[in-house]
PDB file of N, CA and C in Angstrom:
ATOM      1  N   MET A   1       0.795  -1.232  -0.480  1.00  0.00           N
ATOM      2  CA  MET A   1       0.501  -0.036  -0.247  1.00  0.00           C
ATOM      3  C   MET A   1       1.082   1.258   0.437  1.00  0.00           C
ATOM      4  N   LEU A   2       1.979   1.082   0.440  1.00  0.00           N
ATOM      5  CA  LEU A   2       2.633   2.352   0.890  1.00  0.00           C
ATOM      6  C   LEU A   2       3.390   3.176  -0.364  1.00  0.00           C
ATOM      7  N   THR A   3       3.481   1.782  -1.475  1.00  0.00           N
ATOM      8  CA  THR A   3       3.960   1.995  -2.634  1.00  0.00           C
ATOM      9  C   THR A   3       2.883   2.898  -4.066  1.00  0.00           C
ATOM     10  N   ASN A   4       1.531   2.760  -3.128  1.00  0.00           N
ATOM     11  CA  ASN A   4       0.501   2.708  -4.152  1.00  0.00           C
ATOM     12  C   ASN A   4      -0.009   4.245  -4.012  1.00  0.00           C
ATOM     13  N   GLY A   5       0.242   5.162  -5.039  1.00  0.00           N
ATOM     14  CA  GLY A   5       0.080   6.591  -4.673  1.00  0.00           C
ATOM     15  C   GLY A   5      -1.407   6.440  -4.851  1.00  0.00           C
ATOM     16  N   GLU A   6      -2.251   5.867  -5.126  1.00  0.00           N
ATOM     17  CA  GLU A   6      -3.537   6.442  -5.760  1.00  0.00           C
ATOM     18  C   GLU A   6      -4.308   5.644  -4.029  1.00  0.00           C
ATOM     19  N   VAL A   7      -3.720   4.712  -3.649  1.00  0.00           N
ATOM     20  CA  VAL A   7      -4.756   3.801  -2.532  1.00  0.00           C
ATOM     21  C   VAL A   7      -4.234   4.824  -1.313  1.00  0.00           C
ATOM     22  N   LEU A   8      -2.992   5.432  -1.296  1.00  0.00           N
ATOM     23  CA  LEU A   8      -2.548   6.786   0.189  1.00  0.00           C
ATOM     24  C   LEU A   8      -3.465   8.034  -0.611  1.00  0.00           C
ATOM     25  N   ALA A   9      -3.816   8.201  -1.528  1.00  0.00           N
ATOM     26  CA  ALA A   9      -4.428   9.384  -1.577  1.00  0.00           C
ATOM     27  C   ALA A   9      -6.081   8.777  -1.238  1.00  0.00           C
ATOM     28  N   VAL A  10      -6.295   8.381  -1.264  1.00  0.00           N
ATOM     29  CA  VAL A  10      -8.162   7.819  -0.902  1.00  0.00           C
ATOM     30  C   VAL A  10      -7.915   7.770   0.855  1.00  0.00           C
ATOM     31  N   ASP A  11      -6.780   7.375   1.186  1.00  0.00           N
ATOM     32  CA  ASP A  11      -6.725   7.786   3.076  1.00  0.00           C
ATOM     33  C   ASP A  11      -6.497   9.199   2.955  1.00  0.00           C
ATOM     34  N   GLN A  12      -5.508   9.626   2.375  1.00  0.00           N
ATOM     35  CA  GLN A  12      -5.045  10.996   2.855  1.00  0.00           C
ATOM     36  C   GLN A  12      -6.521  12.244   2.363  1.00  0.00           C
ATOM     37  N   ASP A  13      -7.303  11.926   1.943  1.00  0.00           N
ATOM     38  CA  ASP A  13      -8.452  12.261   0.701  1.00  0.00           C
ATOM     39  C   ASP A  13      -8.987  13.721   1.766  1.00  0.00           C
ATOM     40  N   SER A  14      -8.721  14.744   1.490  1.00  0.00           N
ATOM     41  CA  SER A  14      -8.607  15.894   2.010  1.00  0.00           C
ATOM     42  C   SER A  14     -10.070  15.993   2.799  1.00  0.00           C
ATOM     43  N   LYS A  15     -11.499  15.070   2.089  1.00  0.00           N
ATOM     44  CA  LYS A  15     -12.886  15.294   2.919  1.00  0.00           C
ATOM     45  C   LYS A  15     -13.078  14.735   4.705  1.00  0.00           C
ATOM     46  N   GLY A  16     -11.968  13.634   4.800  1.00  0.00           N
ATOM     47  CA  GLY A  16     -11.899  13.738   5.989  1.00  0.00           C
ATOM     48  C   GLY A  16     -13.094  12.624   6.418  1.00  0.00           C
ATOM     49  N   VAL A  17     -13.324  11.781   5.596  1.00  0.00           N
ATOM     50  CA  VAL A  17     -14.485  10.906   6.155  1.00  0.00           C
ATOM     51  C   VAL A  17     -14.790   9.573   6.217  1.00  0.00           C
ATOM     52  N   GLN A  18     -14.604   8.659   7.341  1.00  0.00           N
ATOM     53  CA  GLN A  18     -14.379   7.835   7.397  1.00  0.00           C
ATOM     54  C   GLN A  18     -14.937   6.692   6.095  1.00  0.00           C
ATOM     55  N   GLY A  19     -14.670   5.284   5.865  1.00  0.00           N
ATOM     56  CA  GLY A  19     -15.683   4.728   5.269  1.00  0.00           C
ATOM     57  C   GLY A  19     -16.374   4.052   6.254  1.00  0.00           C
ATOM     58  N   HIS A  20     -17.749   3.361   5.289  1.00  0.00           N
ATOM     59  CA  HIS A  20     -18.724   2.723   6.132  1.00  0.00           C
ATOM     60  C   HIS A  20     -19.063   1.875   5.450  1.00  0.00           C
ATOM     61  N   ARG A  21     -19.657   0.460   5.805  1.00  0.00           N
ATOM     62  CA  ARG A  21     -20.292  -0.644   5.286  1.00  0.00           C
ATOM     63  C   ARG A  21     -21.393  -0.468   5.111  1.00  0.00           C
ATOM     64  N   ILE A  22     -21.164  -0.617   3.281  1.00  0.00           N
ATOM     65  CA  ILE A  22     -22.422  -0.392   3.143  1.00  0.00           C
ATOM     66  C   ILE A  22     -23.523  -1.648   2.940  1.00  0.00           C
ATOM     67  N   TRP A  23     -22.704  -2.869   2.769  1.00  0.00           N
ATOM     68  CA  TRP A  23     -23.384  -4.431   2.786  1.00  0.00           C
ATOM     69  C   TRP A  23     -22.552  -5.241   2.780  1.00  0.00           C
ATOM     70  N   GLU A  24     -23.186  -6.182   3.499  1.00  0.00           N
ATOM     71  CA  GLU A  24     -22.529  -7.292   4.373  1.00  0.00           C
ATOM     72  C   GLU A  24     -23.454  -8.844   4.219  1.00  0.00           C
ATOM     73  N   GLU A  25     -22.348  -9.737   3.849  1.00  0.00           N
ATOM     74  CA  GLU A  25     -23.503 -10.980   4.136  1.00  0.00           C
ATOM     75  C   GLU A  25     -22.463 -12.013   3.602  1.00  0.00           C
ATOM     76  N   GLY A  26     -22.615 -12.489   5.057  1.00  0.00           N
ATOM     77  CA  GLY A  26     -22.143 -13.627   5.502  1.00  0.00           C
ATOM     78  C   GLY A  26     -20.352 -13.655   5.086  1.00  0.00           C
ATOM     79  N   PRO A  27     -19.900 -13.407   4.591  1.00  0.00           N
ATOM     80  CA  PRO A  27     -17.996 -13.131   4.925  1.00  0.00           C
ATOM     81  C   PRO A  27     -17.289 -12.841   3.320  1.00  0.00           C
ATOM     82  N   LEU A  28     -18.461 -11.592   3.451  1.00  0.00           N
ATOM     83  CA  LEU A  28     -18.562 -10.905   2.114  1.00  0.00           C
ATOM     84  C   LEU A  28     -19.107  -9.592   2.644  1.00  0.00           C
ATOM     85  N   GLU A  29     -18.406  -8.365   2.117  1.00  0.00           N
ATOM     86  CA  GLU A  29     -18.349  -7.047   2.757  1.00  0.00           C
ATOM     87  C   GLU A  29     -18.247  -6.064   1.889  1.00  0.00           C
ATOM     88  N   ILE A  30     -18.769  -4.958   1.552  1.00  0.00           N
ATOM     89  CA  ILE A  30     -18.868  -3.638   0.721  1.00  0.00           C
ATOM     90  C   ILE A  30     -18.879  -2.237   1.961  1.00  0.00           C
ATOM     91  N   TRP A  31     -17.829  -1.684   1.894  1.00  0.00           N
ATOM     92  CA  TRP A  31     -17.440  -0.074   2.279  1.00  0.00           C
ATOM     93  C   TRP A  31     -17.260   0.653   1.671  1.00  0.00           C
ATOM     94  N   ALA A  32     -17.742   2.004   1.589  1.00  0.00           N
ATOM     95  CA  ALA A  32     -17.783   3.145   0.516  1.00  0.00           C
ATOM     96  C   ALA A  32     -17.347   4.075   1.634  1.00  0.00           C
ATOM     97  N   LYS A  33     -16.582   5.123   0.641  1.00  0.00           N
ATOM     98  CA  LYS A  33     -16.366   6.470   1.782  1.00  0.00           C
ATOM     99  C   LYS A  33     -15.797   7.168   0.300  1.00  0.00           C
ATOM    100  N   PRO A  34     -16.959   8.305   0.963  1.00  0.00           N
ATOM    101  CA  PRO A  34     -17.169  10.314   0.029  1.00  0.00           C
ATOM    102  C   PRO A  34     -15.645  10.887  -0.093  1.00  0.00           C
ATOM    103  N   LEU A  35     -15.478  10.959  -1.305  1.00  0.00           N
ATOM    104  CA  LEU A  35     -14.215  12.086  -1.363  1.00  0.00           C
ATOM    105  C   LEU A  35     -14.411  12.950  -1.682  1.00  0.00           C
ATOM    106  N   ALA A  36     -13.496  13.985  -1.871  1.00  0.00           N
ATOM    107  CA  ALA A  36     -13.973  15.675  -1.796  1.00  0.00           C
ATOM    108  C   ALA A  36     -13.670  15.819  -3.339  1.00  0.00           C
ATOM    109  N   ASP A  37     -13.654  14.776  -4.282  1.00  0.00           N
ATOM    110  CA  ASP A  37     -13.681  15.618  -5.724  1.00  0.00           C
ATOM    111  C   ASP A  37     -15.330  14.970  -6.074  1.00  0.00           C
ATOM    112  N   GLN A  38     -15.930  14.319  -5.401  1.00  0.00           N
ATOM    113  CA  GLN A  38     -17.398  13.652  -4.993  1.00  0.00           C
ATOM    114  C   GLN A  38     -17.538  12.260  -5.748  1.00  0.00           C
ATOM    115  N   SER A  39     -16.498  11.750  -6.160  1.00  0.00           N
ATOM    116  CA  SER A  39     -16.351  10.160  -5.994  1.00  0.00           C
ATOM    117  C   SER A  39     -16.812   9.576  -5.025  1.00  0.00           C
ATOM    118  N   GLN A  40     -16.636   8.251  -4.925  1.00  0.00           N
ATOM    119  CA  GLN A  40     -16.708   7.267  -3.660  1.00  0.00           C
ATOM    120  C   GLN A  40     -15.174   6.155  -4.191  1.00  0.00           C
ATOM    121  N   ALA A  41     -14.745   6.175  -2.815  1.00  0.00           N
ATOM    122  CA  ALA A  41     -14.014   4.934  -2.724  1.00  0.00           C
ATOM    123  C   ALA A  41     -14.828   3.984  -2.423  1.00  0.00           C
ATOM    124  N   VAL A  42     -14.499   2.495  -3.432  1.00  0.00           N
ATOM    125  CA  VAL A  42     -15.431   0.965  -2.818  1.00  0.00           C
ATOM    126  C   VAL A  42     -14.597   0.254  -2.721  1.00  0.00           C
ATOM    127  N   ALA A  43     -14.376  -0.459  -1.408  1.00  0.00           N
ATOM    128  CA  ALA A  43     -13.909  -1.619  -0.973  1.00  0.00           C
ATOM    129  C   ALA A  43     -14.946  -2.845  -1.535  1.00  0.00           C
ATOM    130  N   LEU A  44     -14.460  -3.983  -1.620  1.00  0.00           N
ATOM    131  CA  LEU A  44     -15.057  -4.915  -2.027  1.00  0.00           C
ATOM    132  C   LEU A  44     -14.518  -6.483  -1.077  1.00  0.00           C
ATOM    133  N   PHE A  45     -14.943  -6.640  -0.183  1.00  0.00           N
ATOM    134  CA  PHE A  45     -13.949  -8.060   1.084  1.00  0.00           C
ATOM    135  C   PHE A  45     -14.381  -8.757   0.736  1.00  0.00           C
ATOM    136  N   ASN A  46     -14.113 -10.237   0.342  1.00  0.00           N
ATOM    137  CA  ASN A  46     -13.652 -11.359   0.197  1.00  0.00           C
ATOM    138  C   ASN A  46     -12.957 -12.483   1.750  1.00  0.00           C
ATOM    139  N   ARG A  47     -13.574 -12.904   2.733  1.00  0.00           N
ATOM    140  CA  ARG A  47     -13.763 -13.329   3.508  1.00  0.00           C
ATOM    141  C   ARG A  47     -13.016 -14.815   3.404  1.00  0.00           C
ATOM    142  N   SER A  48     -13.708 -15.104   2.253  1.00  0.00           N
ATOM    143  CA  SER A  48     -13.952 -16.572   2.757  1.00  0.00           C
ATOM    144  C   SER A  48     -13.121 -17.393   1.775  1.00  0.00           C
ATOM    145  N   GLU A  49     -13.259 -18.750   1.644  1.00  0.00           N
ATOM    146  CA  GLU A  49     -11.754 -19.430   1.409  1.00  0.00           C
ATOM    147  C   GLU A  49     -11.817 -19.456  -0.078  1.00  0.00           C
ATOM    148  N   ALA A  50     -12.895 -19.373  -0.887  1.00  0.00           N
ATOM    149  CA  ALA A  50     -12.865 -19.164  -2.184  1.00  0.00           C
ATOM    150  C   ALA A  50     -13.251 -18.157  -2.763  1.00  0.00           C
ATOM    151  N   SER A  51     -12.517 -18.268  -4.458  1.00  0.00           N
ATOM    152  CA  SER A  51     -13.171 -16.666  -4.976  1.00  0.00           C
ATOM    153  C   SER A  51     -14.637 -16.822  -5.662  1.00  0.00           C
ATOM    154  N   LEU A  52     -15.114 -15.229  -5.082  1.00  0.00           N
ATOM    155  CA  LEU A  52     -16.334 -15.070  -5.147  1.00  0.00           C
ATOM    156  C   LEU A  52     -16.160 -13.851  -6.100  1.00  0.00           C
ATOM    157  N   LYS A  53     -17.892 -14.312  -7.198  1.00  0.00           N
ATOM    158  CA  LYS A  53     -18.149 -12.756  -7.099  1.00  0.00           C
ATOM    159  C   LYS A  53     -18.961 -11.926  -7.085  1.00  0.00           C
ATOM    160  N   MET A  54     -18.447 -10.562  -6.818  1.00  0.00           N
ATOM    161  CA  MET A  54     -19.295  -9.622  -6.010  1.00  0.00           C
ATOM    162  C   MET A  54     -19.802  -8.711  -6.828  1.00  0.00           C
ATOM    163  N   THR A  55     -20.804  -8.198  -6.657  1.00  0.00           N
ATOM    164  CA  THR A  55     -21.428  -7.062  -6.994  1.00  0.00           C
ATOM    165  C   THR A  55     -21.501  -5.312  -6.695  1.00  0.00           C
ATOM    166  N   LEU A  56     -21.763  -4.667  -7.004  1.00  0.00           N
ATOM    167  CA  LEU A  56     -21.821  -3.109  -6.649  1.00  0.00           C
ATOM    168  C   LEU A  56     -22.747  -2.454  -7.239  1.00  0.00           C
ATOM    169  N   ASP A  57     -23.651  -2.221  -6.300  1.00  0.00           N
ATOM    170  CA  ASP A  57     -24.732  -1.670  -7.191  1.00  0.00           C
ATOM    171  C   ASP A  57     -24.582   0.062  -6.902  1.00  0.00           C
ATOM    172  N   PHE A  58     -24.648   0.775  -7.814  1.00  0.00           N
ATOM    173  CA  PHE A  58     -24.732   2.086  -7.491  1.00  0.00           C
ATOM    174  C   PHE A  58     -25.687   2.742  -6.834  1.00  0.00           C
ATOM    175  N   LYS A  59     -26.863   2.182  -6.917  1.00  0.00           N
ATOM    176  CA  LYS A  59     -27.761   3.007  -5.971  1.00  0.00           C
ATOM    177  C   LYS A  59     -27.464   3.334  -4.547  1.00  0.00           C
ATOM    178  N   ALA A  60     -26.486   2.023  -4.288  1.00  0.00           N
ATOM    179  CA  ALA A  60     -25.796   2.271  -2.850  1.00  0.00           C
ATOM    180  C   ALA A  60     -24.449   3.124  -2.152  1.00  0.00           C
ATOM    181  N   ILE A  61     -24.255   3.867  -3.266  1.00  0.00           N
ATOM    182  CA  ILE A  61     -23.275   4.825  -2.839  1.00  0.00           C
ATOM    183  C   ILE A  61     -24.019   5.931  -3.202  1.00  0.00           C
ATOM    184  N   GLY A  62     -25.364   6.287  -4.141  1.00  0.00           N
ATOM    185  CA  GLY A  62     -25.535   7.510  -4.549  1.00  0.00           C
ATOM    186  C   GLY A  62     -25.662   7.552  -5.790  1.00  0.00           C
ATOM    187  N   PHE A  63     -25.269   6.674  -6.400  1.00  0.00           N
ATOM    188  CA  PHE A  63     -24.727   7.017  -8.184  1.00  0.00           C
ATOM    189  C   PHE A  63     -25.994   6.326  -8.726  1.00  0.00           C
ATOM    190  N   SER A  64     -26.561   6.839  -9.582  1.00  0.00           N
ATOM    191  CA  SER A  64     -27.353   7.002 -11.013  1.00  0.00           C
ATOM    192  C   SER A  64     -27.228   6.305 -12.240  1.00  0.00           C
ATOM    193  N   GLY A  65     -27.365   5.757 -12.814  1.00  0.00           N
ATOM    194  CA  GLY A  65     -27.264   5.653 -14.305  1.00  0.00           C
ATOM    195  C   GLY A  65     -25.281   4.661 -14.800  1.00  0.00           C
ATOM    196  N   ALA A  66     -24.672   5.734 -15.628  1.00  0.00           N
ATOM    197  CA  ALA A  66     -23.621   5.205 -15.747  1.00  0.00           C
ATOM    198  C   ALA A  66     -22.902   5.950 -14.747  1.00  0.00           C
ATOM    199  N   ALA A  67     -21.284   5.309 -14.666  1.00  0.00           N
ATOM    200  CA  ALA A  67     -20.371   5.652 -13.584  1.00  0.00           C
ATOM    201  C   ALA A  67     -19.049   5.375 -13.951  1.00  0.00           C
ATOM    202  N   LYS A  68     -17.606   5.444 -14.219  1.00  0.00           N
ATOM    203  CA  LYS A  68     -16.503   5.660 -14.612  1.00  0.00           C
ATOM    204  C   LYS A  68     -15.817   4.649 -13.094  1.00  0.00           C
ATOM    205  N   LEU A  69     -15.426   3.720 -13.245  1.00  0.00           N
ATOM    206  CA  LEU A  69     -14.551   3.229 -12.594  1.00  0.00           C
ATOM    207  C   LEU A  69     -13.438   2.917 -12.597  1.00  0.00           C
ATOM    208  N   ARG A  70     -11.765   3.044 -11.761  1.00  0.00           N
ATOM    209  CA  ARG A  70     -11.147   2.800 -11.340  1.00  0.00           C
ATOM    210  C   ARG A  70     -10.277   1.812 -10.805  1.00  0.00           C
ATOM    211  N   ASP A  71      -9.499   0.534 -11.065  1.00  0.00           N
ATOM    212  CA  ASP A  71      -9.022  -0.271 -10.175  1.00  0.00           C
ATOM    213  C   ASP A  71      -8.120   0.420  -9.604  1.00  0.00           C
ATOM    214  N   LEU A  72      -7.947   0.768  -7.993  1.00  0.00           N
ATOM    215  CA  LEU A  72      -7.080   1.871  -8.082  1.00  0.00           C
ATOM    216  C   LEU A  72      -5.376   0.745  -7.401  1.00  0.00           C
ATOM    217  N   TRP A  73      -5.930  -0.907  -7.611  1.00  0.00           N
ATOM    218  CA  TRP A  73      -4.864  -1.428  -7.234  1.00  0.00           C
ATOM    219  C   TRP A  73      -4.121  -2.160  -8.858  1.00  0.00           C
ATOM    220  N   GLU A  74      -4.639  -1.720  -9.740  1.00  0.00           N
ATOM    221  CA  GLU A  74      -5.102  -2.387 -10.587  1.00  0.00           C
ATOM    222  C   GLU A  74      -3.648  -1.054 -11.037  1.00  0.00           C
ATOM    223  N   HIS A  75      -3.728  -0.004 -11.175  1.00  0.00           N
ATOM    224  CA  HIS A  75      -3.909   1.422 -11.343  1.00  0.00           C
ATOM    225  C   HIS A  75      -4.754   1.685 -12.835  1.00  0.00           C
ATOM    226  N   LYS A  76      -5.727   0.723 -13.421  1.00  0.00           N
ATOM    227  CA  LYS A  76      -6.065   0.709 -14.674  1.00  0.00           C
ATOM    228  C   LYS A  76      -7.988   1.074 -14.862  1.00  0.00           C
ATOM    229  N   ASP A  77      -8.239   2.069 -16.007  1.00  0.00           N
ATOM    230  CA  ASP A  77      -9.594   2.114 -16.104  1.00  0.00           C
ATOM    231  C   ASP A  77     -10.607   1.418 -16.250  1.00  0.00           C
ATOM    232  N   ILE A  78     -11.364   0.868 -15.826  1.00  0.00           N
ATOM    233  CA  ILE A  78     -13.169   0.202 -16.141  1.00  0.00           C
ATOM    234  C   ILE A  78     -13.581   0.230 -17.198  1.00  0.00           C
ATOM    235  N   GLY A  79     -13.653   1.744 -16.700  1.00  0.00           N
ATOM    236  CA  GLY A  79     -14.326   2.635 -18.275  1.00  0.00           C
ATOM    237  C   GLY A  79     -16.044   2.998 -17.909  1.00  0.00           C
ATOM    238  N   PRO A  80     -16.913   3.301 -18.320  1.00  0.00           N
ATOM    239  CA  PRO A  80     -17.953   3.486 -17.764  1.00  0.00           C
ATOM    240  C   PRO A  80     -19.024   2.458 -17.864  1.00  0.00           C
ATOM    241  N   VAL A  81     -19.170   2.438 -17.193  1.00  0.00           N
ATOM    242  CA  VAL A  81     -20.289   1.002 -16.637  1.00  0.00           C
ATOM    243  C   VAL A  81     -21.725   1.260 -16.029  1.00  0.00           C
ATOM    244  N   GLN A  82     -22.806   0.590 -16.622  1.00  0.00           N
ATOM    245  CA  GLN A  82     -23.941   1.203 -16.263  1.00  0.00           C
ATOM    246  C   GLN A  82     -24.746   0.681 -15.291  1.00  0.00           C
ATOM    247  N   ASP A  83     -25.412   1.084 -14.114  1.00  0.00           N
ATOM    248  CA  ASP A  83     -26.004   0.471 -12.584  1.00  0.00           C
ATOM    249  C   ASP A  83     -25.301   0.046 -11.549  1.00  0.00           C
ATOM    250  N   THR A  84     -24.691  -1.302 -12.238  1.00  0.00           N
ATOM    251  CA  THR A  84     -23.832  -2.752 -11.441  1.00  0.00           C
ATOM    252  C   THR A  84     -22.680  -2.780 -12.173  1.00  0.00           C
ATOM    253  N   TYR A  85     -21.361  -3.336 -11.160  1.00  0.00           N
ATOM    254  CA  TYR A  85     -20.666  -3.501 -11.432  1.00  0.00           C
ATOM    255  C   TYR A  85     -20.135  -5.002 -10.827  1.00  0.00           C
ATOM    256  N   THR A  86     -20.071  -6.153 -11.433  1.00  0.00           N
ATOM    257  CA  THR A  86     -19.246  -7.380 -11.287  1.00  0.00           C
ATOM    258  C   THR A  86     -17.688  -7.845 -11.015  1.00  0.00           C
ATOM    259  N   VAL A  87     -17.539  -8.522  -9.701  1.00  0.00           N
ATOM    260  CA  VAL A  87     -16.091  -8.590 -10.396  1.00  0.00           C
ATOM    261  C   VAL A  87     -15.889  -9.731  -9.283  1.00  0.00           C
ATOM    262  N   GLU A  88     -14.580 -10.803 -10.014  1.00  0.00           N
ATOM    263  CA  GLU A  88     -14.754 -11.779  -9.514  1.00  0.00           C
ATOM    264  C   GLU A  88     -13.145 -11.263  -7.838  1.00  0.00           C
ATOM    265  N   VAL A  89     -13.925 -11.588  -6.648  1.00  0.00           N
ATOM    266  CA  VAL A  89     -13.138 -11.267  -5.796  1.00  0.00           C
ATOM    267  C   VAL A  89     -12.273 -12.254  -4.986  1.00  0.00           C
ATOM    268  N   PRO A  90     -10.718 -12.590  -5.463  1.00  0.00           N
ATOM    269  CA  PRO A  90     -10.447 -13.621  -4.713  1.00  0.00           C
ATOM    270  C   PRO A  90     -10.116 -14.112  -3.115  1.00  0.00           C
ATOM    271  N   LYS A  91     -10.038 -15.014  -2.866  1.00  0.00           N
ATOM    272  CA  LYS A  91     -10.284 -15.661  -1.524  1.00  0.00           C
ATOM    273  C   LYS A  91      -9.360 -14.488  -1.030  1.00  0.00           C
ATOM    274  N   HIS A  92      -9.588 -14.409   0.406  1.00  0.00           N
ATOM    275  CA  HIS A  92      -9.333 -13.300   1.357  1.00  0.00           C
ATOM    276  C   HIS A  92      -8.565 -12.447   0.738  1.00  0.00           C
ATOM    277  N   GLY A  93      -9.118 -11.453  -0.023  1.00  0.00           N
ATOM    278  CA  GLY A  93      -8.704 -10.498  -1.159  1.00  0.00           C
ATOM    279  C   GLY A  93     -10.151  -9.115  -1.479  1.00  0.00           C
ATOM    280  N   VAL A  94      -9.491  -8.404  -1.549  1.00  0.00           N
ATOM    281  CA  VAL A  94     -10.295  -7.125  -1.603  1.00  0.00           C
ATOM    282  C   VAL A  94      -9.711  -6.568  -3.618  1.00  0.00           C
ATOM    283  N   VAL A  95     -10.639  -5.947  -3.640  1.00  0.00           N
ATOM    284  CA  VAL A  95     -10.852  -5.318  -5.040  1.00  0.00           C
ATOM    285  C   VAL A  95     -11.047  -3.768  -4.423  1.00  0.00           C
ATOM    286  N   LEU A  96     -10.314  -2.677  -5.136  1.00  0.00           N
ATOM    287  CA  LEU A  96     -10.235  -1.213  -4.730  1.00  0.00           C
ATOM    288  C   LEU A  96     -10.938  -0.757  -5.111  1.00  0.00           C
ATOM    289  N   LEU A  97     -12.352   0.418  -5.740  1.00  0.00           N
ATOM    290  CA  LEU A  97     -12.879   0.923  -6.866  1.00  0.00           C
ATOM    291  C   LEU A  97     -12.265   2.305  -6.304  1.00  0.00           C
ATOM    292  N   LYS A  98     -12.815   2.974  -7.318  1.00  0.00           N
ATOM    293  CA  LYS A  98     -12.866   4.343  -7.352  1.00  0.00           C
ATOM    294  C   LYS A  98     -13.848   4.577  -8.210  1.00  0.00           C
ATOM    295  N   VAL A  99     -15.027   5.115  -8.019  1.00  0.00           N
ATOM    296  CA  VAL A  99     -16.524   5.593  -8.727  1.00  0.00           C
ATOM    297  C   VAL A  99     -16.744   6.669  -8.682  1.00  0.00           C
ATOM    298  N   SER A 100     -16.798   7.189 -10.280  1.00  0.00           N
ATOM    299  CA  SER A 100     -17.075   8.820 -10.253  1.00  0.00           C
ATOM    300  C   SER A 100     -18.163   9.108 -10.902  1.00  0.00           C
ATOM    301  N   ARG A 101     -18.271  10.076 -11.545  1.00  0.00           N
ATOM    302  CA  ARG A 101     -19.176  10.236 -12.452  1.00  0.00           C
ATOM    303  C   ARG A 101     -18.963  10.592 -13.546  1.00  0.00           C
TER     304      ARG A 101
END
């Protein structure tokens, strides 16, 4: 994490708001953190023993319609996505996204 400037920027965002859990089911959780630029940092956690697909519904973070996504761990744009985003999250893993309009 210390070498990933995009992840550090989420941690040190000037809005100063902590993340909060927006969804939980068994070993799966989704957390969101509003950022100063009106985007949201969203973490999808998988604490299970198997890789599992997880879906983020943009309504859960106050977005509707299309959103731009960026994978902060992979440093890559996912592009505009409509309404929901589904991703395979590795066992004991996390996917960290920046969601913006």
